[in-house]
Amino acid sequence: QVQLVESGGGLVQTGGSLRLSCAASGSIFSINAMGWYRQAPGKQRESVAVIRSGSGTVYADSVKGRFTISRDKNTAYLQMNSLKPEDTAVYYCRVPKRGSYFGSDDYWGQGTQVTVSS
């Protein structure tokens, strides 16, 4: 089992910044990818940013140029700049159970709330 713990969420004004962290622990053999997802009230969970070993990073169009995903060993970070009210959501960390691509039985964190006030 792999445990994921997110932190760094909070309340920020429009235009502000936050840095989220996701620390992975447990039965880790190798982590080939880490991703950040978010879910706003009444909406489906969506991918925000993914970082894969050897393949680089992928961002949702809505956050390109504002968010940066990075990784240091088994911790992933999401630097969020120029935040907008529409970025308000619960942010989740996700790690594939096997390989580099996400599947139906992946590991998820408990989520951290990000609220951007206008």
C-alpha atoms as a PDB file:
ATOM      1  CA  GLN A   1       0.000   0.000   0.000  1.00  0.00           C
ATOM      2  CA  VAL A   2       1.004   3.546  -0.704  1.00  0.00           C
ATOM      3  CA  GLN A   3      -0.204   6.459   1.365  1.00  0.00           C
ATOM      4  CA  LEU A   4      -0.451   9.950  -0.102  1.00  0.00           C
ATOM      5  CA  VAL A   5      -0.748  13.015   2.097  1.00  0.00           C
ATOM      6  CA  GLU A   6      -1.452  16.411   0.590  1.00  0.00           C
ATOM      7  CA  SER A   7      -0.837  19.715   2.296  1.00  0.00           C
ATOM      8  CA  GLY A   8      -0.560  23.396   1.492  1.00  0.00           C
ATOM      9  CA  GLY A   9      -4.126  24.292   0.671  1.00  0.00           C
ATOM     10  CA  GLY A  10      -5.875  27.333   2.066  1.00  0.00           C
ATOM     11  CA  LEU A  11      -7.671  30.577   1.347  1.00  0.00           C
ATOM     12  CA  VAL A  12      -6.025  33.092  -0.968  1.00  0.00           C
ATOM     13  CA  GLN A  13      -7.123  36.178  -2.852  1.00  0.00           C
ATOM     14  CA  THR A  14      -7.336  36.361  -6.623  1.00  0.00           C
ATOM     15  CA  GLY A  15      -3.861  36.712  -8.073  1.00  0.00           C
ATOM     16  CA  GLY A  16      -2.227  35.046  -5.114  1.00  0.00           C
ATOM     17  CA  SER A  17      -0.111  31.919  -4.903  1.00  0.00           C
ATOM     18  CA  LEU A  18      -0.110  28.611  -3.080  1.00  0.00           C
ATOM     19  CA  ARG A  19       2.216  25.630  -3.102  1.00  0.00           C
ATOM     20  CA  LEU A  20       0.737  22.188  -2.604  1.00  0.00           C
ATOM     21  CA  SER A  21       2.743  19.161  -1.521  1.00  0.00           C
ATOM     22  CA  CYS A  22       2.006  15.463  -1.844  1.00  0.00           C
ATOM     23  CA  ALA A  23       4.166  13.091   0.166  1.00  0.00           C
ATOM     24  CA  ALA A  24       4.080   9.404  -0.729  1.00  0.00           C
ATOM     25  CA  SER A  25       4.984   6.729   1.784  1.00  0.00           C
ATOM     26  CA  GLY A  26       4.491   3.044   2.395  1.00  0.00           C
ATOM     27  CA  SER A  27       5.274   0.124   0.107  1.00  0.00           C
ATOM     28  CA  ILE A  28       6.955   2.135  -2.573  1.00  0.00           C
ATOM     29  CA  PHE A  29       8.972   0.206  -5.109  1.00  0.00           C
ATOM     30  CA  SER A  30       9.050   2.907  -7.693  1.00  0.00           C
ATOM     31  CA  ILE A  31       6.801   5.799  -8.559  1.00  0.00           C
ATOM     32  CA  ASN A  32       6.859   6.543 -12.271  1.00  0.00           C
ATOM     33  CA  ALA A  33       4.226   9.247 -12.285  1.00  0.00           C
ATOM     34  CA  MET A  34       2.468  11.622  -9.941  1.00  0.00           C
ATOM     35  CA  GLY A  35      -0.513  13.749 -10.735  1.00  0.00           C
ATOM     36  CA  TRP A  36      -2.596  16.531  -9.314  1.00  0.00           C
ATOM     37  CA  TYR A  37      -6.357  16.488  -9.839  1.00  0.00           C
ATOM     38  CA  ARG A  38      -9.087  18.775  -8.592  1.00  0.00           C
ATOM     39  CA  GLN A  39     -12.807  18.667  -8.007  1.00  0.00           C
ATOM     40  CA  ALA A  40     -14.973  21.728  -7.641  1.00  0.00           C
ATOM     41  CA  PRO A  41     -18.464  21.545  -6.109  1.00  0.00           C
ATOM     42  CA  GLY A  42     -20.925  20.041  -8.557  1.00  0.00           C
ATOM     43  CA  LYS A  43     -18.234  19.215 -11.081  1.00  0.00           C
ATOM     44  CA  GLN A  44     -16.316  16.113 -12.087  1.00  0.00           C
ATOM     45  CA  ARG A  45     -12.787  15.535 -10.920  1.00  0.00           C
ATOM     46  CA  GLU A  46     -10.321  16.747 -13.532  1.00  0.00           C
ATOM     47  CA  SER A  47      -6.633  16.413 -14.213  1.00  0.00           C
ATOM     48  CA  VAL A  48      -4.581  19.496 -13.452  1.00  0.00           C
ATOM     49  CA  ALA A  49      -0.978  18.413 -13.959  1.00  0.00           C
ATOM     50  CA  VAL A  50       1.005  15.201 -14.307  1.00  0.00           C
ATOM     51  CA  ILE A  51       4.707  14.507 -14.083  1.00  0.00           C
ATOM     52  CA  ARG A  52       6.136  11.247 -15.453  1.00  0.00           C
ATOM     53  CA  SER A  53       9.655   9.916 -15.196  1.00  0.00           C
ATOM     54  CA  GLY A  54      11.349  10.361 -18.544  1.00  0.00           C
ATOM     55  CA  SER A  55       8.313  11.943 -20.171  1.00  0.00           C
ATOM     56  CA  GLY A  56       8.103  15.352 -18.610  1.00  0.00           C
ATOM     57  CA  THR A  57       4.982  17.197 -17.589  1.00  0.00           C
ATOM     58  CA  VAL A  58       1.449  17.676 -18.873  1.00  0.00           C
ATOM     59  CA  TYR A  59      -0.916  20.464 -17.854  1.00  0.00           C
ATOM     60  CA  ALA A  60      -4.577  21.210 -18.301  1.00  0.00           C
ATOM     61  CA  ASP A  61      -5.082  24.122 -20.673  1.00  0.00           C
ATOM     62  CA  SER A  62      -6.766  26.102 -17.905  1.00  0.00           C
ATOM     63  CA  VAL A  63      -3.609  26.173 -15.769  1.00  0.00           C
ATOM     64  CA  LYS A  64      -0.835  26.365 -18.354  1.00  0.00           C
ATOM     65  CA  GLY A  65       1.534  29.213 -17.618  1.00  0.00           C
ATOM     66  CA  ARG A  66       0.226  29.575 -14.064  1.00  0.00           C
ATOM     67  CA  PHE A  67       0.829  26.202 -12.387  1.00  0.00           C
ATOM     68  CA  THR A  68       4.047  24.207 -12.206  1.00  0.00           C
ATOM     69  CA  ILE A  69       4.328  20.589 -11.140  1.00  0.00           C
ATOM     70  CA  SER A  70       7.605  19.262  -9.823  1.00  0.00           C
ATOM     71  CA  ARG A  71       8.857  16.266  -7.930  1.00  0.00           C
ATOM     72  CA  ASP A  72      11.606  15.511  -5.445  1.00  0.00           C
ATOM     73  CA  LYS A  73      11.934  11.754  -4.837  1.00  0.00           C
ATOM     74  CA  ASN A  74       8.522  10.674  -3.503  1.00  0.00           C
ATOM     75  CA  THR A  75       7.062  14.131  -3.005  1.00  0.00           C
ATOM     76  CA  ALA A  76       5.221  16.055  -5.675  1.00  0.00           C
ATOM     77  CA  TYR A  77       4.606  19.769  -5.601  1.00  0.00           C
ATOM     78  CA  LEU A  78       2.161  22.031  -7.363  1.00  0.00           C
ATOM     79  CA  GLN A  79       3.148  25.677  -7.449  1.00  0.00           C
ATOM     80  CA  MET A  80       0.042  27.692  -8.225  1.00  0.00           C
ATOM     81  CA  ASN A  81       0.429  31.330  -9.246  1.00  0.00           C
ATOM     82  CA  SER A  82      -2.033  33.938 -10.491  1.00  0.00           C
ATOM     83  CA  LEU A  83      -4.863  32.055  -8.862  1.00  0.00           C
ATOM     84  CA  LYS A  84      -8.413  32.662 -10.018  1.00  0.00           C
ATOM     85  CA  PRO A  85     -11.751  32.010  -8.312  1.00  0.00           C
ATOM     86  CA  GLU A  86     -12.357  29.190 -10.796  1.00  0.00           C
ATOM     87  CA  ASP A  87      -9.332  27.392  -9.337  1.00  0.00           C
ATOM     88  CA  THR A  88     -11.335  26.852  -6.153  1.00  0.00           C
ATOM     89  CA  ALA A  89     -11.586  23.099  -5.571  1.00  0.00           C
ATOM     90  CA  VAL A  90     -10.371  20.196  -3.519  1.00  0.00           C
ATOM     91  CA  TYR A  91      -6.986  19.183  -4.919  1.00  0.00           C
ATOM     92  CA  TYR A  92      -5.989  15.527  -4.893  1.00  0.00           C
ATOM     93  CA  CYS A  93      -2.739  13.727  -5.497  1.00  0.00           C
ATOM     94  CA  ARG A  94      -2.770  10.523  -7.558  1.00  0.00           C
ATOM     95  CA  VAL A  95      -0.142   7.840  -8.124  1.00  0.00           C
ATOM     96  CA  PRO A  96      -0.504   4.900 -10.501  1.00  0.00           C
ATOM     97  CA  LYS A  97      -0.654   1.539  -8.800  1.00  0.00           C
ATOM     98  CA  ARG A  98       1.574   0.162 -11.523  1.00  0.00           C
ATOM     99  CA  GLY A  99       3.510   1.588 -14.425  1.00  0.00           C
ATOM    100  CA  SER A 100       3.424   5.170 -15.586  1.00  0.00           C
ATOM    101  CA  TYR A 101      -0.204   5.558 -16.548  1.00  0.00           C
ATOM    102  CA  PHE A 102      -3.245   5.979 -14.384  1.00  0.00           C
ATOM    103  CA  GLY A 103      -5.833   3.265 -13.921  1.00  0.00           C
ATOM    104  CA  SER A 104      -8.963   2.473 -11.978  1.00  0.00           C
ATOM    105  CA  ASP A 105      -7.195   1.254  -8.846  1.00  0.00           C
ATOM    106  CA  ASP A 106      -4.668   4.008  -8.340  1.00  0.00           C
ATOM    107  CA  TYR A 107      -3.668   5.544  -5.043  1.00  0.00           C
ATOM    108  CA  TRP A 108      -5.313   8.828  -4.050  1.00  0.00           C
ATOM    109  CA  GLY A 109      -4.679  11.286  -1.276  1.00  0.00           C
ATOM    110  CA  GLN A 110      -7.374  12.666   0.975  1.00  0.00           C
ATOM    111  CA  GLY A 111      -7.388  16.055  -0.735  1.00  0.00           C
ATOM    112  CA  THR A 112      -6.618  19.597   0.307  1.00  0.00           C
ATOM    113  CA  GLN A 113      -9.016  22.515  -0.086  1.00  0.00           C
ATOM    114  CA  VAL A 114      -7.993  25.523  -2.159  1.00  0.00           C
ATOM    115  CA  THR A 115     -10.286  28.532  -2.035  1.00  0.00           C
ATOM    116  CA  VAL A 116      -9.635  31.635  -4.121  1.00  0.00           C
ATOM    117  CA  SER A 117     -11.656  34.677  -3.138  1.00  0.00           C
ATOM    118  CA  SER A 118     -12.600  37.366  -5.644  1.00  0.00           C
END
